[in-house]
Protein backbone atom coordinates (compact mmCIF):
# COMPACT_ATOMS: atom_id res chain seq x y z
CA MET A 1 107.28 97.18 127.97
CA SER A 2 110.63 95.41 127.26
CA ASP A 3 113.81 97.46 128.31
CA ALA A 4 115.02 97.36 124.25
CA ASN A 5 111.38 99.10 123.39
CA THR A 6 111.94 101.14 126.60
CA ASN A 7 115.59 102.19 125.85
CA THR A 8 114.58 103.01 122.05
CA GLY A 9 111.88 105.19 123.20
CA GLU A 10 114.04 106.96 125.57
CA ALA A 11 117.02 107.15 122.61
CA PHE A 12 114.19 108.80 120.18
CA VAL A 13 113.04 111.19 122.42
CA ALA A 14 116.79 112.65 123.20
CA TYR A 15 117.09 112.57 119.18
CA LEU A 16 113.95 114.42 118.81
CA ARG A 17 115.18 117.24 121.41
CA GLU A 18 118.31 117.47 119.65
CA LYS A 19 117.09 117.81 116.16
CA LEU A 20 113.99 119.93 116.95
CA PRO A 21 116.04 123.33 116.85
CA LEU A 22 117.00 122.51 113.17
CA ILE A 23 113.62 121.64 112.14
CA GLU A 24 111.82 124.58 113.56
CA ARG A 25 114.74 126.94 111.79
CA ALA A 26 113.90 124.94 108.74
CA LEU A 27 110.48 125.83 108.81
CA HIS A 28 110.30 129.22 109.63
CA GLU A 29 112.93 129.69 106.38
CA ALA A 30 110.31 127.80 104.39
CA ASN A 31 107.39 130.09 104.84
CA ALA A 32 106.27 131.30 101.79
CA ALA A 33 105.62 134.91 100.23
CA PRO A 34 103.58 136.71 97.21
CA MET A 35 104.85 135.47 94.12
CA ALA A 36 104.73 138.79 92.14
CA GLU A 37 107.62 141.16 92.94
CA VAL A 38 105.90 144.34 91.93
CA ASP A 39 102.27 145.54 92.06
CA ALA A 40 101.31 143.08 94.28
CA PRO A 41 98.61 143.55 96.86
CA ALA A 42 101.11 141.98 99.27
CA ARG A 43 99.37 142.98 102.62
CA ASP A 44 96.39 141.30 101.27
CA LEU A 45 97.92 138.01 100.45
CA ASP A 46 99.71 137.92 103.64
CA ARG A 47 96.59 138.18 105.70
CA TYR A 48 94.64 135.69 103.53
CA LEU A 49 96.86 133.25 102.74
CA TYR A 50 100.51 133.15 103.94
CA GLU A 51 100.12 134.09 107.61
CA PRO A 52 97.71 131.89 108.42
CA LEU A 53 99.46 129.05 107.01
CA ALA A 54 102.60 130.14 108.71
CA HIS A 55 100.79 130.87 112.00
CA PHE A 56 99.30 127.35 111.77
CA THR A 57 102.67 125.44 111.13
CA ALA A 58 104.45 127.39 113.73
CA GLY A 59 101.69 126.66 116.28
CA GLY A 60 102.56 123.23 117.47
CA GLY A 61 103.09 119.49 117.21
CA LYS A 62 105.75 117.30 118.20
CA ARG A 63 107.56 117.54 114.90
CA VAL A 64 107.80 113.60 114.92
CA ARG A 65 107.38 113.06 111.27
CA PRO A 66 110.25 115.42 110.23
CA VAL A 67 112.70 114.32 112.82
CA LEU A 68 111.74 110.46 111.69
CA ALA A 69 112.94 111.94 107.92
CA LEU A 70 116.09 112.95 109.60
CA LEU A 71 116.60 109.70 111.23
CA GLY A 72 115.68 107.85 108.40
CA ALA A 73 118.82 109.73 106.46
CA GLU A 74 121.31 109.12 109.43
CA ALA A 75 120.13 105.54 109.62
CA VAL A 76 121.15 104.69 106.16
CA GLY A 77 124.75 106.49 106.62
CA GLY A 78 123.82 110.04 105.79
CA CYS A 79 123.46 113.40 107.37
CA ALA A 80 120.43 114.80 108.71
CA GLU A 81 120.68 117.76 106.56
CA GLN A 82 119.82 116.04 103.50
CA ALA A 83 116.56 115.38 104.68
CA LEU A 84 116.01 118.56 105.91
CA SER A 85 113.80 119.58 102.69
CA SER A 86 111.98 116.30 103.13
CA GLY A 87 111.22 116.64 106.64
CA VAL A 88 109.68 120.17 106.00
CA ALA A 89 107.44 118.75 103.19
CA ILE A 90 106.15 116.18 105.24
CA GLU A 91 105.37 118.90 108.17
CA LEU A 92 103.76 121.04 105.50
CA PHE A 93 101.47 117.83 104.59
CA GLN A 94 100.62 117.58 107.92
CA SER A 95 99.50 121.14 108.27
CA ALA A 96 97.20 120.82 105.02
CA ALA A 97 95.81 117.26 106.67
CA LEU A 98 94.94 118.86 109.66
CA ILE A 99 93.23 122.07 108.35
CA HIS A 100 91.09 120.09 106.38
CA ASP A 101 90.50 117.41 108.83
CA ASP A 102 89.05 120.14 111.10
CA ILE A 103 86.55 121.53 108.41
CA ALA A 104 85.62 117.85 107.62
CA ASP A 105 84.91 117.10 111.19
CA ALA A 106 83.65 120.21 112.44
CA SER A 107 86.07 120.51 115.09
CA GLU A 108 86.47 123.25 117.41
CA LEU A 109 90.16 123.49 118.58
CA ARG A 110 93.29 122.68 117.34
CA ARG A 111 96.63 123.29 119.15
CA GLY A 112 94.62 125.08 122.04
CA GLU A 113 93.41 127.71 119.58
CA PRO A 114 89.96 127.95 117.44
CA CYS A 115 90.51 126.02 114.32
CA LEU A 116 91.89 127.68 111.21
CA TYR A 117 88.32 127.74 109.29
CA ARG A 118 86.51 129.11 112.35
CA THR A 119 88.96 132.24 112.80
CA HIS A 120 89.30 132.96 108.95
CA GLY A 121 86.29 130.98 107.36
CA GLU A 122 86.10 127.60 105.30
CA GLY A 123 87.04 128.89 101.96
CA LEU A 124 90.38 130.68 103.04
CA ALA A 125 91.06 127.61 105.05
CA ILE A 126 90.68 125.15 102.44
CA ASN A 127 92.95 127.55 100.61
CA ALA A 128 95.70 127.67 103.21
CA GLY A 129 95.62 123.88 103.32
CA ASP A 130 95.83 123.90 99.66
CA LEU A 131 98.88 126.01 99.88
CA ALA A 132 100.51 123.68 102.07
CA LEU A 133 100.07 120.92 99.68
CA THR A 134 101.79 123.08 96.95
CA ARG A 135 104.71 123.80 99.22
CA VAL A 136 105.15 120.11 100.00
CA PHE A 137 106.52 119.95 96.55
CA GLU A 138 108.05 123.32 96.07
CA VAL A 139 110.65 123.29 99.48
CA VAL A 140 111.74 119.90 97.79
CA LEU A 141 112.16 121.10 94.43
CA ASN A 142 114.10 124.15 95.62
CA ASP A 143 116.42 122.03 97.48
CA ALA A 144 119.68 122.44 95.06
CA SER A 145 121.56 120.58 97.67
CA LEU A 146 119.71 117.28 96.57
CA PRO A 147 120.88 115.87 93.19
CA GLY A 148 118.04 115.97 90.76
CA ASP A 149 117.56 112.12 90.96
CA ARG A 150 117.08 112.21 94.62
CA ARG A 151 114.79 115.00 94.32
CA LEU A 152 112.53 112.77 92.10
CA ARG A 153 112.79 109.81 94.16
CA VAL A 154 111.96 111.95 97.15
CA LEU A 155 108.74 113.64 95.11
CA ASP A 156 107.53 110.09 93.80
CA GLU A 157 107.31 108.99 97.75
CA LEU A 158 105.65 112.21 98.81
CA VAL A 159 102.71 111.37 96.30
CA ARG A 160 102.62 107.86 97.37
CA MET A 161 102.22 108.81 100.99
CA GLU A 162 99.67 111.32 100.03
CA ARG A 163 97.61 108.85 98.13
CA HIS A 164 97.88 106.41 101.08
CA THR A 165 96.85 109.10 103.43
CA LEU A 166 93.62 109.95 101.03
CA GLU A 167 92.79 106.16 100.85
CA GLY A 168 92.46 105.92 104.61
CA GLN A 169 90.53 109.55 105.03
CA ALA A 170 88.17 108.46 102.31
CA LEU A 171 87.19 105.03 104.39
CA ASP A 172 86.95 107.06 107.43
CA LEU A 173 84.88 109.57 106.23
CA GLY A 174 82.91 107.61 103.99
CA TRP A 175 81.88 104.75 106.68
CA ALA A 176 81.09 107.77 108.71
CA ARG A 177 78.77 109.39 106.01
CA ASP A 178 76.97 106.19 105.37
CA GLY A 179 76.36 104.99 109.17
CA ARG A 180 78.44 102.06 108.12
CA TRP A 181 78.49 99.60 111.26
CA ASP A 182 79.34 96.70 109.49
CA VAL A 183 83.18 97.53 108.93
CA THR A 184 85.36 94.53 109.99
CA SER A 185 88.57 94.53 111.96
CA SER A 186 90.91 94.14 108.95
CA ASP A 187 88.95 96.94 107.13
CA TYR A 188 89.61 99.15 110.33
CA LEU A 189 93.59 98.28 110.30
CA TYR A 190 93.75 98.77 106.72
CA MET A 191 92.30 102.43 107.19
CA ILE A 192 94.35 103.38 109.95
CA GLU A 193 97.54 101.72 107.90
CA GLY A 194 96.65 104.31 105.08
CA LYS A 195 95.26 107.32 107.03
CA THR A 196 97.98 106.96 109.95
CA ALA A 197 101.07 104.48 109.78
CA TRP A 198 102.26 105.58 106.50
CA TYR A 199 102.81 109.33 106.70
CA THR A 200 103.32 109.18 110.33
CA VAL A 201 106.39 106.69 110.54
CA ALA A 202 106.80 104.47 107.59
CA SER A 203 107.11 107.37 105.10
CA PRO A 204 109.13 109.89 107.17
CA LEU A 205 111.75 107.05 107.42
CA ARG A 206 111.87 105.91 103.76
CA ILE A 207 111.76 109.66 102.51
CA GLY A 208 114.81 110.61 104.67
CA ALA A 209 116.60 107.56 103.80
CA LEU A 210 115.94 108.33 99.89
CA ALA A 211 117.09 112.02 100.31
CA ALA A 212 120.49 110.33 101.82
CA GLY A 213 121.12 108.26 98.53
CA ALA A 214 119.97 104.77 100.02
CA ALA A 215 119.18 101.71 98.00
CA ASP A 216 115.64 100.64 97.54
CA GLU A 217 116.43 97.44 99.90
CA ALA A 218 117.52 99.80 103.14
CA ALA A 219 114.77 102.58 102.20
CA CYS A 220 112.14 99.28 102.13
CA GLU A 221 113.73 97.76 105.51
CA LEU A 222 113.06 101.25 107.23
CA VAL A 223 109.05 101.13 105.78
CA GLU A 224 108.65 97.68 107.38
CA LEU A 225 110.11 99.17 110.53
CA GLY A 226 107.50 102.08 110.37
CA ARG A 227 104.47 100.50 109.42
CA PRO A 228 103.82 98.83 112.42
CA ALA A 229 104.95 101.56 114.73
CA GLY A 230 102.67 103.76 113.13
CA LEU A 231 99.95 101.11 113.52
CA ALA A 232 100.84 100.99 117.59
CA PHE A 233 100.56 104.44 117.46
CA GLN A 234 97.39 104.89 116.20
CA LEU A 235 96.06 101.87 118.39
CA GLN A 236 97.39 103.43 121.46
CA ASP A 237 95.85 106.57 120.85
CA ASP A 238 92.60 105.25 120.37
CA LEU A 239 92.64 103.09 123.51
CA LEU A 240 93.80 105.94 125.77
CA ASN A 241 90.78 107.78 124.56
CA LEU A 242 88.34 105.15 126.26
CA VAL A 243 90.53 103.94 129.43
CA GLY A 244 93.13 106.66 129.87
CA ASP A 245 93.40 109.49 132.30
CA ALA A 246 90.03 111.18 132.64
CA SER A 247 91.52 114.37 134.56
CA ALA A 248 94.45 114.54 132.34
CA GLN A 249 92.40 114.34 128.72
CA GLY A 250 89.85 116.61 130.29
CA LYS A 251 86.80 117.20 127.65
CA ASP A 252 88.60 115.00 125.24
CA PHE A 253 88.09 111.76 127.31
CA ARG A 254 86.05 109.57 125.47
CA SER A 255 85.33 111.99 122.88
CA ASP A 256 85.62 109.33 120.16
CA ILE A 257 82.49 107.78 121.65
CA THR A 258 80.72 111.12 121.39
CA GLU A 259 82.01 111.27 117.87
CA GLY A 260 81.01 107.87 117.02
CA LYS A 261 84.42 106.95 115.87
CA ARG A 262 85.36 103.20 114.26
CA THR A 263 88.11 102.09 116.38
CA LEU A 264 89.24 98.76 116.55
CA ALA A 265 87.81 98.34 120.02
CA VAL A 266 84.36 99.38 118.90
CA VAL A 267 84.48 97.77 115.58
CA TRP A 268 85.63 94.45 117.54
CA ALA A 269 82.68 94.87 119.93
CA LEU A 270 80.18 95.10 117.21
CA GLU A 271 81.51 92.05 115.48
CA HIS A 272 81.27 90.33 118.65
CA LEU A 273 78.01 91.38 120.34
CA ASP A 274 74.54 89.72 120.25
CA ASP A 275 71.57 91.46 118.86
CA GLU A 276 70.44 93.41 121.55
CA PRO A 277 73.92 94.80 123.23
CA HIS A 278 74.79 95.53 119.60
CA ARG A 279 71.92 97.86 118.70
CA GLU A 280 72.51 99.53 122.01
CA LEU A 281 75.98 100.07 121.77
CA VAL A 282 75.06 101.86 117.89
CA ASP A 283 72.46 103.74 119.52
CA LEU A 284 75.06 105.21 122.05
CA LEU A 285 77.30 105.95 119.29
CA GLU A 286 75.26 107.70 116.98
CA SER A 287 73.65 109.94 119.75
CA LYS A 288 76.59 112.31 120.05
CA THR A 289 76.08 111.94 124.01
CA THR A 290 78.48 113.24 126.03
CA ASN A 291 76.82 112.41 129.35
CA PRO A 292 79.37 110.15 131.64
CA ASP A 293 77.21 107.77 132.57
CA LYS A 294 76.36 106.70 128.90
CA LEU A 295 79.90 106.98 127.79
CA ALA A 296 80.50 104.66 130.74
CA ARG A 297 77.84 102.51 129.50
CA ALA A 298 79.28 102.05 126.05
CA VAL A 299 82.66 101.24 127.71
CA GLU A 300 81.10 98.71 129.20
CA LEU A 301 79.68 97.10 126.17
CA ILE A 302 82.75 97.57 124.28
CA GLU A 303 84.60 95.62 127.23
CA GLN A 304 81.84 93.13 127.38
CA ALA A 305 82.67 92.46 124.14
CA GLY A 306 86.55 92.05 124.42
CA GLY A 307 87.21 95.23 122.21
CA ASN A 308 89.48 96.71 124.60
CA GLN A 309 91.54 93.60 124.90
CA ALA A 310 91.64 93.52 121.13
CA GLN A 311 92.85 96.79 120.70
CA ARG A 312 95.44 96.06 123.27
CA ARG A 313 96.74 92.89 121.47
CA PRO A 314 98.35 94.08 118.56
CA LEU A 315 100.46 96.58 120.52
CA PRO A 316 103.08 94.57 122.01
CA LYS A 317 103.56 92.64 118.61
CA ALA A 318 103.65 95.93 116.86
CA LYS A 319 105.83 97.56 119.00
CA GLY A 320 108.20 94.55 119.39
CA ILE A 321 108.48 94.23 115.67
CA ALA A 322 109.54 97.80 115.43
CA ALA A 323 112.07 97.44 118.27
CA GLY A 324 113.37 94.57 116.86
CA LYS A 325 113.87 95.87 113.25
CA LEU A 326 115.24 98.82 114.51
CA ASN A 327 117.88 97.42 116.81
CA ARG A 328 118.77 94.84 114.10
CA PHE A 329 119.23 98.10 111.61
CA ALA A 330 121.08 99.80 114.10
CA ARG A 331 123.47 96.98 114.40
CA GLN A 332 124.13 96.69 111.07
CA GLU A 333 124.84 100.16 110.67
CA ARG A 334 127.49 100.05 113.27
CA GLN A 335 129.02 96.93 111.59
CA GLN A 336 129.19 98.92 108.61
CA ASP A 337 130.68 101.64 110.30
CA LEU A 338 133.36 99.35 111.63
CA ASP A 339 133.97 97.69 108.53
CA HIS A 340 134.52 101.37 106.80
CA VAL A 341 136.58 102.07 109.18
CA ASP A 342 138.97 99.18 108.97
CA ALA A 343 139.01 99.21 105.09
CA GLN A 344 140.47 102.95 105.81
CA HIS A 345 143.11 101.91 108.41
CA GLY A 346 143.73 98.37 106.94
């Protein structure tokens, strides 16, 4: 990794740590309560709806997405607080997506605890996820510090972010339901751009910029930074599941093979393997195996076809684009600051 990428990564980690208390406080203050002031079974509503969502949202996550919204605001000359409600909204969308994803994937654990649907039942978990989706819009609409036109722009972009995510999720779930192994590499990249890249990086940066009153051109620059960075995030995550540190990942190591996930490495391999190894790999992916030897054989077949190498190749390009645009954007902002100072003191 280049020095520019390393320095950018270290700077963002420091920024994340600095802003984390602000985000955590805002998330806590955004916890919802029963709407009726009197004659409401408030204890039951808390137990069945509000407390499960509050506990889930407070229960972890690195808060990268809301912090990126704050960064987007500051990148266009605004202040982090202008994007605070936007960041909270994005984190609430993350809660909704994870709650619903766990049900769709029949997952066991989330953030070290049993999934919400396992502790509260599917119906109440779905309802809590739906509440999170409602709160996405409520927290922005209730932000009186944002001018009305900015609230409208933020809400419009939040809707766009959700649509991108739903499209990606539909492809991922639909391909799995129908046993589709004819998915192409370009199909896969389109899917993860929708499912991951937009709501993980591109949309938070753009939404934060819009909350700070940025012009469309500046907000679009941040999207062009965020999309390749978001792709790199997902590609790296998928790659580590196959060839990362087995002791560090524990039972999750190579779980993507057990779950039959269509990652870029898998899709690439199936595009390039001959008939016999192609059938063997599909059989392994469909078997839901947890046998270490069989998992290793699947990885061997993927490597034989160049799948892991294909997964690695986009990463330097994506990271390089992101770092290059970030550095250029930062240089532009610094020059604008200098010009502003010159104008004041000229």
